Amino acid sequence: MVAAHGAGEPVREALRAGTLYAFAQRHPDARILVGRAPAYAVPLPAPGPRVVVRHSRHGGVLAPLTGDRFLPPTRAPAELDAALRLARAGVPTPELVAYAVYRAGPLFRRADVATREVEGARDLPAALAETPDAAERRRLLAVTARLLRQLGAAGARHPDLNVKNVLLDAGGRTALVIDVDRVTFHAPHHPRVAAANLARLAHSLRASRERLGLAVSDDEIRWLEAQATAPVAEREVA
């Protein structure tokens, strides 16, 4: 177990349920968050904060074989390192409060990660679905474009920058990036990094529209792309 200062005892108490994820699943006040797999927003035992608990799983074509088993030390330490580096570089991302690693046989490990809940936050698809006003939608896309520029300035490439991994805070003024365990760092302002992040998010927007009926137009996607790459003088104020 690794925990932020002041969270050690609440996390130890939560682990009496067996795992952090089991604690979150069974909590009477749990709020389920749907993604690749369910995550749960819950309060840690007092005096701990509210957190989002996620069980680490593989993605991609090998996921049915590898499932939730990782070679030690799992991706959890890498996620902590990435979250700290992003925060130092000025990229908004939720604080990683704790992670726990469990044995899964002689060779493998499983892991749970708890990040601080951003109260009132919505993912990008939910924010767009709840916003019919065209000007307000462009403002949310401008905030998202600012996150893309922040990632590019930090040289941070997020290979899974899909629409569900962009959160907008309660006021829609800040976009945060989540699920950062696979983020890699390159030279600041590296053009290929910025282009890769933008291409991944634009692809996810179009795919989500086709598969899930996400209400976003080609004009809005092109506008996001323009805002993410425009010189300062040409950007709209978010």
Protein backbone atom coordinates (compact mmCIF):
# COMPACT_ATOMS: atom_id res chain seq x y z
CA MET A 1 0.00 0.00 0.00
CA VAL A 2 1.15 3.53 -0.82
CA ALA A 3 -0.87 6.50 0.42
CA ALA A 4 -0.64 10.27 0.43
CA HIS A 5 0.22 12.03 3.67
CA GLY A 6 -2.74 11.81 6.03
CA ALA A 7 -4.53 9.06 4.07
CA GLY A 8 -2.65 6.05 5.45
CA GLU A 9 -5.00 5.16 8.29
CA PRO A 10 -8.21 5.61 6.25
CA VAL A 11 -6.77 3.40 3.51
CA ARG A 12 -5.70 0.73 6.00
CA GLU A 13 -9.22 0.77 7.42
CA ALA A 14 -10.69 0.41 3.92
CA LEU A 15 -8.41 -2.56 3.25
CA ARG A 16 -10.14 -4.49 6.01
CA ALA A 17 -12.67 -5.29 3.26
CA GLY A 18 -9.91 -7.27 1.51
CA THR A 19 -9.14 -4.81 -1.30
CA LEU A 20 -9.79 -1.15 -1.96
CA TYR A 21 -12.06 -2.11 -4.84
CA ALA A 22 -14.10 -4.47 -2.65
CA PHE A 23 -14.46 -1.69 -0.08
CA ALA A 24 -15.72 0.70 -2.77
CA GLN A 25 -18.07 -1.85 -4.37
CA ARG A 26 -19.76 -2.59 -1.05
CA HIS A 27 -19.95 0.94 0.28
CA PRO A 28 -23.57 2.03 0.83
CA ASP A 29 -22.85 5.49 -0.58
CA ALA A 30 -20.93 4.30 -3.64
CA ARG A 31 -21.58 6.08 -6.92
CA ILE A 32 -20.78 3.94 -9.94
CA LEU A 33 -18.79 5.44 -12.82
CA VAL A 34 -18.93 3.56 -16.10
CA GLY A 35 -15.83 3.22 -18.26
CA ARG A 36 -13.82 0.24 -19.53
CA ALA A 37 -14.81 -1.30 -16.21
CA PRO A 38 -16.83 0.16 -13.34
CA ALA A 39 -15.14 2.56 -10.94
CA TYR A 40 -16.68 3.74 -7.68
CA ALA A 41 -16.77 7.16 -6.07
CA VAL A 42 -16.85 6.72 -2.29
CA PRO A 43 -15.71 8.39 0.92
CA LEU A 44 -12.74 6.76 2.57
CA PRO A 45 -13.18 6.06 6.29
CA ALA A 46 -12.92 9.28 8.32
CA PRO A 47 -10.92 11.44 8.16
CA GLY A 48 -10.14 10.39 4.59
CA PRO A 49 -11.29 12.24 1.45
CA ARG A 50 -13.78 11.17 -1.17
CA VAL A 51 -12.02 9.13 -3.84
CA VAL A 52 -12.65 7.28 -7.08
CA VAL A 53 -11.44 3.69 -6.81
CA ARG A 54 -10.48 1.85 -9.99
CA HIS A 55 -9.27 -1.73 -10.41
CA SER A 56 -6.34 -1.92 -12.84
CA ARG A 57 -7.06 -3.90 -15.99
CA HIS A 58 -5.34 -4.43 -19.29
CA GLY A 59 -6.84 -3.09 -22.49
CA GLY A 60 -6.30 -4.04 -26.11
CA VAL A 61 -6.33 -7.36 -27.92
CA LEU A 62 -4.58 -9.28 -25.12
CA ALA A 63 -7.03 -8.14 -22.44
CA PRO A 64 -9.05 -11.40 -22.49
CA LEU A 65 -5.84 -13.30 -21.68
CA THR A 66 -4.12 -10.95 -19.25
CA GLY A 67 -7.23 -9.50 -17.60
CA ASP A 68 -6.27 -7.77 -14.35
CA ARG A 69 -2.96 -9.54 -13.75
CA PHE A 70 0.31 -7.63 -14.08
CA LEU A 71 3.93 -8.43 -13.52
CA PRO A 72 5.19 -6.61 -10.43
CA PRO A 73 5.22 -3.80 -9.60
CA THR A 74 2.06 -3.32 -11.80
CA ARG A 75 1.26 0.02 -13.45
CA ALA A 76 0.26 1.68 -10.18
CA PRO A 77 3.70 3.17 -9.36
CA ALA A 78 3.97 4.46 -12.93
CA GLU A 79 0.56 6.12 -12.56
CA LEU A 80 1.68 7.83 -9.35
CA ASP A 81 4.86 9.05 -11.03
CA ALA A 82 2.93 10.29 -14.08
CA ALA A 83 0.33 12.09 -11.94
CA LEU A 84 3.05 13.87 -9.97
CA ARG A 85 4.95 14.86 -13.11
CA LEU A 86 1.80 16.15 -14.78
CA ALA A 87 0.88 18.20 -11.72
CA ARG A 88 4.38 19.70 -11.55
CA ALA A 89 4.11 20.60 -15.24
CA GLY A 90 0.79 22.36 -14.72
CA VAL A 91 -1.40 19.71 -16.35
CA PRO A 92 -4.66 19.29 -14.38
CA THR A 93 -5.15 15.72 -13.18
CA PRO A 94 -6.80 14.37 -10.01
CA GLU A 95 -4.47 13.71 -7.09
CA LEU A 96 -3.56 10.05 -6.69
CA VAL A 97 -4.46 9.42 -3.03
CA ALA A 98 -3.43 5.76 -2.73
CA TYR A 99 -2.78 2.48 -4.46
CA ALA A 100 -2.66 -1.09 -3.23
CA VAL A 101 -1.03 -4.12 -4.83
CA TYR A 102 -2.07 -7.73 -4.14
CA ARG A 103 -0.50 -11.09 -4.94
CA ALA A 104 -2.15 -13.06 -7.76
CA GLY A 105 -0.20 -16.30 -7.65
CA PRO A 106 3.58 -16.63 -7.52
CA LEU A 107 4.35 -14.35 -10.49
CA PHE A 108 1.56 -11.82 -10.95
CA ARG A 109 -0.05 -8.98 -9.04
CA ARG A 110 -3.35 -7.10 -9.07
CA ALA A 111 -3.75 -3.43 -8.16
CA ASP A 112 -6.34 -0.84 -7.18
CA VAL A 113 -5.86 2.91 -7.52
CA ALA A 114 -7.73 5.65 -5.62
CA THR A 115 -7.72 9.22 -6.93
CA ARG A 116 -9.30 12.24 -5.27
CA GLU A 117 -12.85 12.79 -6.50
CA VAL A 118 -13.39 16.03 -8.43
CA GLU A 119 -16.75 17.06 -7.00
CA GLY A 120 -19.36 17.72 -9.65
CA ALA A 121 -17.07 16.74 -12.53
CA ARG A 122 -18.46 15.30 -15.75
CA ASP A 123 -16.64 13.49 -18.50
CA LEU A 124 -16.54 15.21 -21.89
CA PRO A 125 -19.38 13.16 -23.47
CA ALA A 126 -21.70 13.85 -20.53
CA ALA A 127 -20.86 17.56 -20.57
CA LEU A 128 -21.61 17.83 -24.30
CA ALA A 129 -24.81 15.79 -23.98
CA GLU A 130 -26.07 18.15 -21.25
CA THR A 131 -25.17 21.34 -23.17
CA PRO A 132 -27.43 22.22 -26.13
CA ASP A 133 -26.30 25.85 -26.39
CA ALA A 134 -23.82 26.22 -29.26
CA ALA A 135 -21.75 28.96 -27.62
CA GLU A 136 -21.45 27.04 -24.36
CA ARG A 137 -20.44 23.89 -26.23
CA ARG A 138 -17.65 25.82 -27.94
CA ARG A 139 -16.51 27.11 -24.57
CA LEU A 140 -16.28 23.52 -23.25
CA LEU A 141 -14.34 22.51 -26.35
CA ALA A 142 -12.02 25.48 -25.84
CA VAL A 143 -11.34 24.28 -22.29
CA THR A 144 -10.60 20.81 -23.69
CA ALA A 145 -8.27 22.33 -26.29
CA ARG A 146 -6.42 24.08 -23.47
CA LEU A 147 -5.83 20.68 -21.82
CA LEU A 148 -4.41 19.39 -25.09
CA ARG A 149 -2.03 22.35 -25.24
CA GLN A 150 -1.00 21.77 -21.62
CA LEU A 151 -0.22 18.14 -22.36
CA GLY A 152 1.80 19.18 -25.40
CA ALA A 153 3.72 21.81 -23.44
CA ALA A 154 4.64 19.14 -20.87
CA GLY A 155 5.70 16.68 -23.60
CA ALA A 156 3.15 14.22 -22.16
CA ARG A 157 1.72 11.67 -24.60
CA HIS A 158 -1.46 9.91 -23.46
CA PRO A 159 -1.94 6.83 -25.70
CA ASP A 160 -5.51 6.33 -24.46
CA LEU A 161 -6.77 9.92 -24.61
CA ASN A 162 -10.38 8.99 -25.30
CA VAL A 163 -13.41 11.14 -24.49
CA LYS A 164 -14.03 9.34 -21.18
CA ASN A 165 -10.54 10.26 -20.00
CA VAL A 166 -11.24 14.00 -20.14
CA LEU A 167 -13.10 15.41 -17.12
CA LEU A 168 -14.61 18.88 -16.87
CA ASP A 169 -14.95 20.36 -13.40
CA ALA A 170 -18.29 21.46 -11.98
CA GLY A 171 -18.06 24.93 -13.51
CA GLY A 172 -16.74 23.69 -16.84
CA ARG A 173 -13.72 25.95 -16.44
CA THR A 174 -11.00 23.30 -16.17
CA ALA A 175 -10.45 20.08 -18.08
CA LEU A 176 -8.53 17.32 -16.31
CA VAL A 177 -6.89 14.22 -17.75
CA ILE A 178 -7.38 10.85 -16.02
CA ASP A 179 -6.15 7.25 -16.33
CA VAL A 180 -2.58 8.41 -16.74
CA ASP A 181 -0.79 5.13 -16.02
CA ARG A 182 0.45 4.80 -19.62
CA VAL A 183 1.44 8.44 -20.15
CA THR A 184 4.98 8.84 -21.48
CA PHE A 185 7.10 11.97 -21.30
CA HIS A 186 9.10 13.50 -24.12
CA ALA A 187 10.67 16.86 -24.84
CA PRO A 188 8.40 19.77 -23.88
CA HIS A 189 6.37 21.18 -26.79
CA HIS A 190 7.29 18.20 -28.97
CA PRO A 191 5.09 18.58 -32.07
CA ARG A 192 4.60 14.84 -32.57
CA VAL A 193 3.36 14.45 -29.00
CA ALA A 194 0.81 17.23 -29.42
CA ALA A 195 -0.31 15.83 -32.77
CA ALA A 196 -0.69 12.31 -31.38
CA ASN A 197 -2.82 13.47 -28.44
CA LEU A 198 -5.05 15.57 -30.67
CA ALA A 199 -5.47 12.78 -33.24
CA ARG A 200 -6.37 10.27 -30.51
CA LEU A 201 -9.03 12.51 -28.97
CA ALA A 202 -10.50 13.54 -32.33
CA HIS A 203 -10.73 9.87 -33.34
CA SER A 204 -12.47 9.06 -30.06
CA LEU A 205 -15.00 11.87 -30.59
CA ARG A 206 -15.87 10.57 -34.06
CA ALA A 207 -15.99 6.94 -32.92
CA SER A 208 -18.20 7.82 -29.96
CA ARG A 209 -20.58 9.66 -32.25
CA GLU A 210 -20.89 6.65 -34.53
CA ARG A 211 -21.05 3.94 -31.85
CA LEU A 212 -22.71 5.73 -28.95
CA GLY A 213 -24.61 8.57 -30.59
CA LEU A 214 -22.48 11.30 -29.00
CA ALA A 215 -23.87 14.65 -30.09
CA VAL A 216 -20.82 16.31 -31.63
CA SER A 217 -20.55 17.62 -35.19
CA ASP A 218 -17.66 17.54 -37.65
CA ASP A 219 -17.54 21.34 -37.44
CA GLU A 220 -17.12 21.16 -33.65
CA ILE A 221 -14.34 18.59 -33.94
CA ARG A 222 -12.55 20.70 -36.54
CA TRP A 223 -12.98 23.75 -34.29
CA LEU A 224 -11.44 21.83 -31.37
CA GLU A 225 -8.52 20.83 -33.58
CA ALA A 226 -8.02 24.46 -34.65
CA GLN A 227 -8.12 25.72 -31.05
CA ALA A 228 -5.65 23.08 -29.91
CA THR A 229 -3.10 24.12 -32.52
CA ALA A 230 -3.80 27.85 -32.98
CA PRO A 231 -1.32 30.57 -31.98
CA VAL A 232 -2.29 32.50 -28.87
CA ALA A 233 -3.68 35.46 -30.81
CA GLU A 234 -6.12 33.21 -32.69
CA ARG A 235 -7.56 31.32 -29.72
CA GLU A 236 -10.97 32.00 -28.26
CA VAL A 237 -11.04 32.83 -24.57
CA ALA A 238 -12.45 29.90 -22.53
